[in-house]
PDB file of N, CA and C in Angstrom:
ATOM      1  N   MET A   1      -0.178 -17.883  -8.980  1.00  0.00           N
ATOM      2  CA  MET A   1      -0.920 -16.660  -8.786  1.00  0.00           C
ATOM      3  C   MET A   1      -2.074 -16.567  -9.778  1.00  0.00           C
ATOM      4  N   ALA A   2      -1.851 -17.024 -11.005  1.00  0.00           N
ATOM      5  CA  ALA A   2      -2.899 -16.975 -12.019  1.00  0.00           C
ATOM      6  C   ALA A   2      -4.077 -17.857 -11.619  1.00  0.00           C
ATOM      7  N   ASP A   3      -3.793 -19.000 -10.989  1.00  0.00           N
ATOM      8  CA  ASP A   3      -4.878 -19.865 -10.533  1.00  0.00           C
ATOM      9  C   ASP A   3      -5.697 -19.198  -9.436  1.00  0.00           C
ATOM     10  N   LEU A   4      -5.019 -18.512  -8.553  1.00  0.00           N
ATOM     11  CA  LEU A   4      -5.700 -17.815  -7.464  1.00  0.00           C
ATOM     12  C   LEU A   4      -6.592 -16.701  -8.007  1.00  0.00           C
ATOM     13  N   ILE A   5      -6.098 -15.957  -8.983  1.00  0.00           N
ATOM     14  CA  ILE A   5      -6.893 -14.887  -9.584  1.00  0.00           C
ATOM     15  C   ILE A   5      -8.055 -15.473 -10.390  1.00  0.00           C
ATOM     16  N   ALA A   6      -7.835 -16.641 -11.018  1.00  0.00           N
ATOM     17  CA  ALA A   6      -8.924 -17.275 -11.757  1.00  0.00           C
ATOM     18  C   ALA A   6     -10.050 -17.706 -10.816  1.00  0.00           C
ATOM     19  N   LYS A   7      -9.697 -18.146  -9.615  1.00  0.00           N
ATOM     20  CA  LYS A   7     -10.715 -18.545  -8.638  1.00  0.00           C
ATOM     21  C   LYS A   7     -11.422 -17.350  -8.025  1.00  0.00           C
ATOM     22  N   CYS A   8     -10.703 -16.265  -7.851  1.00  0.00           N
ATOM     23  CA  CYS A   8     -11.260 -15.061  -7.225  1.00  0.00           C
ATOM     24  C   CYS A   8     -10.849 -13.845  -8.060  1.00  0.00           C
ATOM     25  N   PRO A   9     -11.624 -13.492  -9.082  1.00  0.00           N
ATOM     26  CA  PRO A   9     -11.229 -12.411  -9.992  1.00  0.00           C
ATOM     27  C   PRO A   9     -11.106 -11.045  -9.327  1.00  0.00           C
ATOM     28  N   SER A  10     -11.734 -10.853  -8.189  1.00  0.00           N
ATOM     29  CA  SER A  10     -11.636  -9.555  -7.523  1.00  0.00           C
ATOM     30  C   SER A  10     -10.219  -9.277  -7.028  1.00  0.00           C
ATOM     31  N   LEU A  11      -9.405 -10.307  -6.853  1.00  0.00           N
ATOM     32  CA  LEU A  11      -8.021 -10.101  -6.430  1.00  0.00           C
ATOM     33  C   LEU A  11      -7.219  -9.333  -7.479  1.00  0.00           C
ATOM     34  N   ALA A  12      -7.604  -9.460  -8.729  1.00  0.00           N
ATOM     35  CA  ALA A  12      -6.918  -8.726  -9.791  1.00  0.00           C
ATOM     36  C   ALA A  12      -7.098  -7.226  -9.621  1.00  0.00           C
ATOM     37  N   TYR A  13      -8.162  -6.819  -8.963  1.00  0.00           N
ATOM     38  CA  TYR A  13      -8.402  -5.398  -8.719  1.00  0.00           C
ATOM     39  C   TYR A  13      -7.901  -4.956  -7.354  1.00  0.00           C
ATOM     40  N   LEU A  14      -7.825  -5.868  -6.410  1.00  0.00           N
ATOM     41  CA  LEU A  14      -7.466  -5.503  -5.041  1.00  0.00           C
ATOM     42  C   LEU A  14      -5.966  -5.509  -4.780  1.00  0.00           C
ATOM     43  N   LEU A  15      -5.215  -6.320  -5.474  1.00  0.00           N
ATOM     44  CA  LEU A  15      -3.809  -6.525  -5.121  1.00  0.00           C
ATOM     45  C   LEU A  15      -2.766  -5.637  -5.799  1.00  0.00           C
ATOM     46  N   PRO A  16      -2.980  -5.093  -6.991  1.00  0.00           N
ATOM     47  CA  PRO A  16      -1.871  -4.372  -7.641  1.00  0.00           C
ATOM     48  C   PRO A  16      -1.317  -3.182  -6.849  1.00  0.00           C
ATOM     49  N   LEU A  17      -2.160  -2.313  -6.327  1.00  0.00           N
ATOM     50  CA  LEU A  17      -1.651  -1.143  -5.610  1.00  0.00           C
ATOM     51  C   LEU A  17      -0.936  -1.512  -4.306  1.00  0.00           C
ATOM     52  N   PRO A  18      -1.497  -2.411  -3.471  1.00  0.00           N
ATOM     53  CA  PRO A  18      -0.741  -2.789  -2.273  1.00  0.00           C
ATOM     54  C   PRO A  18       0.576  -3.487  -2.585  1.00  0.00           C
ATOM     55  N   LEU A  19       0.593  -4.336  -3.597  1.00  0.00           N
ATOM     56  CA  LEU A  19       1.843  -5.017  -3.953  1.00  0.00           C
ATOM     57  C   LEU A  19       2.869  -4.047  -4.520  1.00  0.00           C
ATOM     58  N   LEU A  20       2.408  -3.055  -5.270  1.00  0.00           N
ATOM     59  CA  LEU A  20       3.319  -2.030  -5.776  1.00  0.00           C
ATOM     60  C   LEU A  20       3.921  -1.230  -4.623  1.00  0.00           C
ATOM     61  N   HIS A  21       3.116  -0.902  -3.641  1.00  0.00           N
ATOM     62  CA  HIS A  21       3.608  -0.171  -2.468  1.00  0.00           C
ATOM     63  C   HIS A  21       4.610  -1.009  -1.682  1.00  0.00           C
ATOM     64  N   LEU A  22       4.284  -2.266  -1.467  1.00  0.00           N
ATOM     65  CA  LEU A  22       5.187  -3.148  -0.735  1.00  0.00           C
ATOM     66  C   LEU A  22       6.505  -3.333  -1.477  1.00  0.00           C
ATOM     67  N   GLY A  23       6.441  -3.483  -2.791  1.00  0.00           N
ATOM     68  CA  GLY A  23       7.658  -3.617  -3.583  1.00  0.00           C
ATOM     69  C   GLY A  23       8.520  -2.363  -3.546  1.00  0.00           C
ATOM     70  N   ALA A  24       7.879  -1.199  -3.606  1.00  0.00           N
ATOM     71  CA  ALA A  24       8.630   0.058  -3.539  1.00  0.00           C
ATOM     72  C   ALA A  24       9.291   0.211  -2.168  1.00  0.00           C
ATOM     73  N   CYS A  25       8.579  -0.139  -1.105  1.00  0.00           N
ATOM     74  CA  CYS A  25       9.159  -0.035   0.236  1.00  0.00           C
ATOM     75  C   CYS A  25      10.293  -1.039   0.433  1.00  0.00           C
ATOM     76  N   ALA A  26      10.143  -2.228  -0.129  1.00  0.00           N
ATOM     77  CA  ALA A  26      11.218  -3.222  -0.026  1.00  0.00           C
ATOM     78  C   ALA A  26      12.464  -2.745  -0.774  1.00  0.00           C
ATOM     79  N   THR A  27      12.265  -2.138  -1.935  1.00  0.00           N
ATOM     80  CA  THR A  27      13.389  -1.603  -2.698  1.00  0.00           C
ATOM     81  C   THR A  27      14.079  -0.489  -1.930  1.00  0.00           C
ATOM     82  N   ILE A  28      13.301   0.394  -1.329  1.00  0.00           N
ATOM     83  CA  ILE A  28      13.868   1.492  -0.545  1.00  0.00           C
ATOM     84  C   ILE A  28      14.659   0.951   0.645  1.00  0.00           C
ATOM     85  N   ALA A  29      14.105  -0.064   1.312  1.00  0.00           N
ATOM     86  CA  ALA A  29      14.777  -0.624   2.482  1.00  0.00           C
ATOM     87  C   ALA A  29      16.061  -1.358   2.092  1.00  0.00           C
ATOM     88  N   LEU A  30      16.018  -2.140   1.024  1.00  0.00           N
ATOM     89  CA  LEU A  30      17.196  -2.906   0.621  1.00  0.00           C
ATOM     90  C   LEU A  30      18.296  -2.018   0.057  1.00  0.00           C
ATOM     91  N   ALA A  31      17.917  -0.964  -0.654  1.00  0.00           N
ATOM     92  CA  ALA A  31      18.915  -0.063  -1.231  1.00  0.00           C
ATOM     93  C   ALA A  31      19.326   1.044  -0.262  1.00  0.00           C
ATOM     94  N   ASN A  32      18.645   1.121   0.866  1.00  0.00           N
ATOM     95  CA  ASN A  32      18.921   2.125   1.896  1.00  0.00           C
ATOM     96  C   ASN A  32      18.828   3.544   1.318  1.00  0.00           C
ATOM     97  N   LEU A  33      17.710   3.802   0.634  1.00  0.00           N
ATOM     98  CA  LEU A  33      17.481   5.096  -0.004  1.00  0.00           C
ATOM     99  C   LEU A  33      16.670   5.989   0.922  1.00  0.00           C
ATOM    100  N   GLU A  34      17.308   6.984   1.478  1.00  0.00           N
ATOM    101  CA  GLU A  34      16.599   7.916   2.358  1.00  0.00           C
ATOM    102  C   GLU A  34      15.637   8.783   1.552  1.00  0.00           C
ATOM    103  N   SER A  35      16.043   9.198   0.355  1.00  0.00           N
ATOM    104  CA  SER A  35      15.169  10.042  -0.464  1.00  0.00           C
ATOM    105  C   SER A  35      13.951   9.264  -0.948  1.00  0.00           C
ATOM    106  N   GLY A  36      14.096   7.964  -1.131  1.00  0.00           N
ATOM    107  CA  GLY A  36      12.960   7.138  -1.544  1.00  0.00           C
ATOM    108  C   GLY A  36      11.873   7.121  -0.495  1.00  0.00           C
ATOM    109  N   ALA A  37      12.262   7.125   0.766  1.00  0.00           N
ATOM    110  CA  ALA A  37      11.270   7.172   1.848  1.00  0.00           C
ATOM    111  C   ALA A  37      10.512   8.489   1.818  1.00  0.00           C
ATOM    112  N   HIS A  38      11.202   9.566   1.462  1.00  0.00           N
ATOM    113  CA  HIS A  38      10.523  10.864   1.379  1.00  0.00           C
ATOM    114  C   HIS A  38       9.496  10.875   0.261  1.00  0.00           C
ATOM    115  N   TYR A  39       9.824  10.257  -0.868  1.00  0.00           N
ATOM    116  CA  TYR A  39       8.851  10.189  -1.965  1.00  0.00           C
ATOM    117  C   TYR A  39       7.647   9.328  -1.583  1.00  0.00           C
ATOM    118  N   MET A  40       7.882   8.259  -0.856  1.00  0.00           N
ATOM    119  CA  MET A  40       6.762   7.410  -0.439  1.00  0.00           C
ATOM    120  C   MET A  40       5.855   8.142   0.548  1.00  0.00           C
ATOM    121  N   ILE A  41       6.411   9.048   1.315  1.00  0.00           N
ATOM    122  CA  ILE A  41       5.588   9.851   2.222  1.00  0.00           C
ATOM    123  C   ILE A  41       4.621  10.705   1.412  1.00  0.00           C
ATOM    124  N   TYR A  42       5.072  11.241   0.281  1.00  0.00           N
ATOM    125  CA  TYR A  42       4.179  12.017  -0.578  1.00  0.00           C
ATOM    126  C   TYR A  42       3.103  11.142  -1.211  1.00  0.00           C
ATOM    127  N   VAL A  43       3.466   9.932  -1.588  1.00  0.00           N
ATOM    128  CA  VAL A  43       2.506   9.027  -2.226  1.00  0.00           C
ATOM    129  C   VAL A  43       1.401   8.621  -1.253  1.00  0.00           C
ATOM    130  N   ASP A  44       1.764   8.381  -0.011  1.00  0.00           N
ATOM    131  CA  ASP A  44       0.798   7.943   1.002  1.00  0.00           C
ATOM    132  C   ASP A  44       0.255   9.122   1.811  1.00  0.00           C
ATOM    133  N   PHE A  45       0.130  10.288   1.197  1.00  0.00           N
ATOM    134  CA  PHE A  45      -0.032  11.545   1.918  1.00  0.00           C
ATOM    135  C   PHE A  45      -0.981  11.545   3.111  1.00  0.00           C
ATOM    136  N   PRO A  46      -2.242  11.296   3.008  1.00  0.00           N
ATOM    137  CA  PRO A  46      -3.039  11.507   4.225  1.00  0.00           C
ATOM    138  C   PRO A  46      -2.649  10.550   5.344  1.00  0.00           C
ATOM    139  N   PHE A  47      -2.357   9.318   4.979  1.00  0.00           N
ATOM    140  CA  PHE A  47      -2.020   8.317   5.980  1.00  0.00           C
ATOM    141  C   PHE A  47      -0.598   8.494   6.502  1.00  0.00           C
ATOM    142  N   SER A  48       0.286   8.989   5.648  1.00  0.00           N
ATOM    143  CA  SER A  48       1.685   9.118   6.056  1.00  0.00           C
ATOM    144  C   SER A  48       1.895  10.190   7.120  1.00  0.00           C
ATOM    145  N   LEU A  49       1.002  11.159   7.200  1.00  0.00           N
ATOM    146  CA  LEU A  49       1.130  12.163   8.258  1.00  0.00           C
ATOM    147  C   LEU A  49       1.087  11.515   9.638  1.00  0.00           C
ATOM    148  N   ILE A  50       0.177  10.580   9.806  1.00  0.00           N
ATOM    149  CA  ILE A  50       0.067   9.871  11.087  1.00  0.00           C
ATOM    150  C   ILE A  50       1.315   9.045  11.343  1.00  0.00           C
ATOM    151  N   LEU A  51       1.777   8.336  10.318  1.00  0.00           N
ATOM    152  CA  LEU A  51       2.964   7.494  10.483  1.00  0.00           C
ATOM    153  C   LEU A  51       4.210   8.307  10.807  1.00  0.00           C
ATOM    154  N   VAL A  52       4.367   9.431  10.144  1.00  0.00           N
ATOM    155  CA  VAL A  52       5.547  10.255  10.389  1.00  0.00           C
ATOM    156  C   VAL A  52       5.510  10.827  11.796  1.00  0.00           C
ATOM    157  N   MET A  53       4.342  11.268  12.234  1.00  0.00           N
ATOM    158  CA  MET A  53       4.244  11.824  13.590  1.00  0.00           C
ATOM    159  C   MET A  53       4.529  10.772  14.656  1.00  0.00           C
ATOM    160  N   LEU A  54       4.105   9.548  14.404  1.00  0.00           N
ATOM    161  CA  LEU A  54       4.266   8.503  15.413  1.00  0.00           C
ATOM    162  C   LEU A  54       5.644   7.853  15.412  1.00  0.00           C
ATOM    163  N   GLY A  55       6.267   7.721  14.235  1.00  0.00           N
ATOM    164  CA  GLY A  55       7.454   6.889  14.250  1.00  0.00           C
ATOM    165  C   GLY A  55       8.638   7.309  13.441  1.00  0.00           C
ATOM    166  N   TRP A  56       8.789   8.595  13.107  1.00  0.00           N
ATOM    167  CA  TRP A  56       9.925   8.992  12.277  1.00  0.00           C
ATOM    168  C   TRP A  56      11.255   8.662  12.922  1.00  0.00           C
ATOM    169  N   ARG A  57      11.374   8.812  14.211  1.00  0.00           N
ATOM    170  CA  ARG A  57      12.636   8.546  14.904  1.00  0.00           C
ATOM    171  C   ARG A  57      12.819   7.069  15.274  1.00  0.00           C
ATOM    172  N   ASN A  58      11.831   6.273  14.996  1.00  0.00           N
ATOM    173  CA  ASN A  58      11.881   4.854  15.317  1.00  0.00           C
ATOM    174  C   ASN A  58      12.873   4.140  14.387  1.00  0.00           C
ATOM    175  N   ASP A  59      13.595   3.166  14.916  1.00  0.00           N
ATOM    176  CA  ASP A  59      14.560   2.417  14.109  1.00  0.00           C
ATOM    177  C   ASP A  59      13.882   1.582  13.027  1.00  0.00           C
ATOM    178  N   ASN A  60      12.679   1.136  13.284  1.00  0.00           N
ATOM    179  CA  ASN A  60      11.950   0.280  12.343  1.00  0.00           C
ATOM    180  C   ASN A  60      10.929   1.069  11.540  1.00  0.00           C
ATOM    181  N   PHE A  61      11.204   2.322  11.258  1.00  0.00           N
ATOM    182  CA  PHE A  61      10.233   3.168  10.579  1.00  0.00           C
ATOM    183  C   PHE A  61       9.853   2.612   9.209  1.00  0.00           C
ATOM    184  N   VAL A  62      10.826   2.174   8.424  1.00  0.00           N
ATOM    185  CA  VAL A  62      10.526   1.677   7.076  1.00  0.00           C
ATOM    186  C   VAL A  62       9.678   0.410   7.154  1.00  0.00           C
ATOM    187  N   PHE A  63       9.940  -0.440   8.140  1.00  0.00           N
ATOM    188  CA  PHE A  63       9.126  -1.646   8.309  1.00  0.00           C
ATOM    189  C   PHE A  63       7.672  -1.284   8.601  1.00  0.00           C
ATOM    190  N   TRP A  64       7.462  -0.390   9.551  1.00  0.00           N
ATOM    191  CA  TRP A  64       6.101   0.014   9.893  1.00  0.00           C
ATOM    192  C   TRP A  64       5.446   0.771   8.750  1.00  0.00           C
ATOM    193  N   PHE A  65       6.221   1.596   8.075  1.00  0.00           N
ATOM    194  CA  PHE A  65       5.692   2.345   6.938  1.00  0.00           C
ATOM    195  C   PHE A  65       5.267   1.391   5.826  1.00  0.00           C
ATOM    196  N   ALA A  66       6.061   0.375   5.562  1.00  0.00           N
ATOM    197  CA  ALA A  66       5.723  -0.597   4.522  1.00  0.00           C
ATOM    198  C   ALA A  66       4.493  -1.403   4.908  1.00  0.00           C
ATOM    199  N   THR A  67       4.450  -1.861   6.144  1.00  0.00           N
ATOM    200  CA  THR A  67       3.328  -2.703   6.576  1.00  0.00           C
ATOM    201  C   THR A  67       2.025  -1.923   6.624  1.00  0.00           C
ATOM    202  N   LEU A  68       2.015  -0.815   7.326  1.00  0.00           N
ATOM    203  CA  LEU A  68       0.779  -0.054   7.479  1.00  0.00           C
ATOM    204  C   LEU A  68       0.386   0.660   6.191  1.00  0.00           C
ATOM    205  N   GLY A  69       1.360   1.105   5.413  1.00  0.00           N
ATOM    206  CA  GLY A  69       1.058   1.730   4.127  1.00  0.00           C
ATOM    207  C   GLY A  69       0.464   0.740   3.142  1.00  0.00           C
ATOM    208  N   THR A  70       0.960  -0.499   3.145  1.00  0.00           N
ATOM    209  CA  THR A  70       0.396  -1.525   2.278  1.00  0.00           C
ATOM    210  C   THR A  70      -1.032  -1.849   2.692  1.00  0.00           C
ATOM    211  N   LEU A  71      -1.287  -1.912   3.977  1.00  0.00           N
ATOM    212  CA  LEU A  71      -2.664  -2.118   4.444  1.00  0.00           C
ATOM    213  C   LEU A  71      -3.553  -0.935   4.065  1.00  0.00           C
ATOM    214  N   TRP A  72      -3.010   0.270   4.110  1.00  0.00           N
ATOM    215  CA  TRP A  72      -3.748   1.458   3.701  1.00  0.00           C
ATOM    216  C   TRP A  72      -4.154   1.362   2.227  1.00  0.00           C
ATOM    217  N   TRP A  73      -3.211   0.962   1.364  1.00  0.00           N
ATOM    218  CA  TRP A  73      -3.530   0.838  -0.048  1.00  0.00           C
ATOM    219  C   TRP A  73      -4.494  -0.313  -0.308  1.00  0.00           C
ATOM    220  N   TYR A  74      -4.415  -1.374   0.478  1.00  0.00           N
ATOM    221  CA  TYR A  74      -5.392  -2.454   0.341  1.00  0.00           C
ATOM    222  C   TYR A  74      -6.784  -1.950   0.713  1.00  0.00           C
ATOM    223  N   LEU A  75      -6.876  -1.173   1.791  1.00  0.00           N
ATOM    224  CA  LEU A  75      -8.165  -0.608   2.197  1.00  0.00           C
ATOM    225  C   LEU A  75      -8.727   0.307   1.111  1.00  0.00           C
ATOM    226  N   LEU A  76      -7.887   1.163   0.542  1.00  0.00           N
ATOM    227  CA  LEU A  76      -8.346   2.037  -0.539  1.00  0.00           C
ATOM    228  C   LEU A  76      -8.811   1.237  -1.753  1.00  0.00           C
ATOM    229  N   SER A  77      -8.097   0.189  -2.105  1.00  0.00           N
ATOM    230  CA  SER A  77      -8.480  -0.665  -3.229  1.00  0.00           C
ATOM    231  C   SER A  77      -9.792  -1.376  -2.949  1.00  0.00           C
ATOM    232  N   TRP A  78      -9.953  -1.852  -1.726  1.00  0.00           N
ATOM    233  CA  TRP A  78     -11.182  -2.558  -1.357  1.00  0.00           C
ATOM    234  C   TRP A  78     -12.384  -1.623  -1.392  1.00  0.00           C
ATOM    235  N   VAL A  79     -12.234  -0.409  -0.878  1.00  0.00           N
ATOM    236  CA  VAL A  79     -13.327   0.560  -0.894  1.00  0.00           C
ATOM    237  C   VAL A  79     -13.701   0.912  -2.334  1.00  0.00           C
ATOM    238  N   ALA A  80     -12.712   1.172  -3.171  1.00  0.00           N
ATOM    239  CA  ALA A  80     -12.983   1.492  -4.570  1.00  0.00           C
ATOM    240  C   ALA A  80     -13.653   0.323  -5.278  1.00  0.00           C
ATOM    241  N   PHE A  81     -13.184  -0.893  -5.025  1.00  0.00           N
ATOM    242  CA  PHE A  81     -13.774  -2.069  -5.655  1.00  0.00           C
ATOM    243  C   PHE A  81     -15.212  -2.260  -5.202  1.00  0.00           C
ATOM    244  N   SER A  82     -15.479  -2.082  -3.914  1.00  0.00           N
ATOM    245  CA  SER A  82     -16.846  -2.285  -3.430  1.00  0.00           C
ATOM    246  C   SER A  82     -17.788  -1.208  -3.972  1.00  0.00           C
ATOM    247  N   ILE A  83     -17.324   0.026  -4.079  1.00  0.00           N
ATOM    248  CA  ILE A  83     -18.165   1.089  -4.649  1.00  0.00           C
ATOM    249  C   ILE A  83     -18.456   0.810  -6.122  1.00  0.00           C
ATOM    250  N   LEU A  84     -17.420   0.423  -6.860  1.00  0.00           N
ATOM    251  CA  LEU A  84     -17.618   0.145  -8.282  1.00  0.00           C
ATOM    252  C   LEU A  84     -18.479  -1.092  -8.518  1.00  0.00           C
ATOM    253  N   SER A  85     -18.335  -2.096  -7.687  1.00  0.00           N
ATOM    254  CA  SER A  85     -19.159  -3.290  -7.873  1.00  0.00           C
ATOM    255  C   SER A  85     -20.619  -3.033  -7.513  1.00  0.00           C
ATOM    256  N   LYS A  86     -20.882  -2.183  -6.518  1.00  0.00           N
ATOM    257  CA  LYS A  86     -22.261  -1.815  -6.202  1.00  0.00           C
ATOM    258  C   LYS A  86     -22.874  -0.986  -7.329  1.00  0.00           C
ATOM    259  N   ARG A  87     -22.074  -0.099  -7.886  1.00  0.00           N
ATOM    260  CA  ARG A  87     -22.561   0.735  -8.982  1.00  0.00           C
ATOM    261  C   ARG A  87     -22.831  -0.123 -10.219  1.00  0.00           C
ATOM    262  N   LYS A  88     -22.004  -1.125 -10.434  1.00  0.00           N
ATOM    263  CA  LYS A  88     -22.150  -2.002 -11.587  1.00  0.00           C
ATOM    264  C   LYS A  88     -23.389  -2.891 -11.457  1.00  0.00           C
ATOM    265  N   SER A  89     -23.683  -3.343 -10.240  1.00  0.00           N
ATOM    266  CA  SER A  89     -24.818  -4.256 -10.035  1.00  0.00           C
ATOM    267  C   SER A  89     -26.166  -3.525 -10.074  1.00  0.00           C
ATOM    268  N   SER A  90     -26.163  -2.213  -9.843  1.00  0.00           N
ATOM    269  CA  SER A  90     -27.452  -1.513  -9.850  1.00  0.00           C
ATOM    270  C   SER A  90     -27.775  -0.878 -11.176  1.00  0.00           C
TER     271      SER A  90
END
């Protein structure tokens, strides 16, 4: 992983939040924590409203929540990184 970050330093800024989200969702799924899913809904607030409306009763809710929530955090990280890099270059 260190070699990959050395080749592409922007990954150090893009990956921590999505990986943290994925790790938290994996922990919730493996430990079967219902309350943990509720806390993750608060963390992913604007995006989680859509997910809850579409799939709360779905059997694979945690899988979809982990996958789409991780992509959501990657998108947020990418937008923040691109804004900061544009501000830094000007």
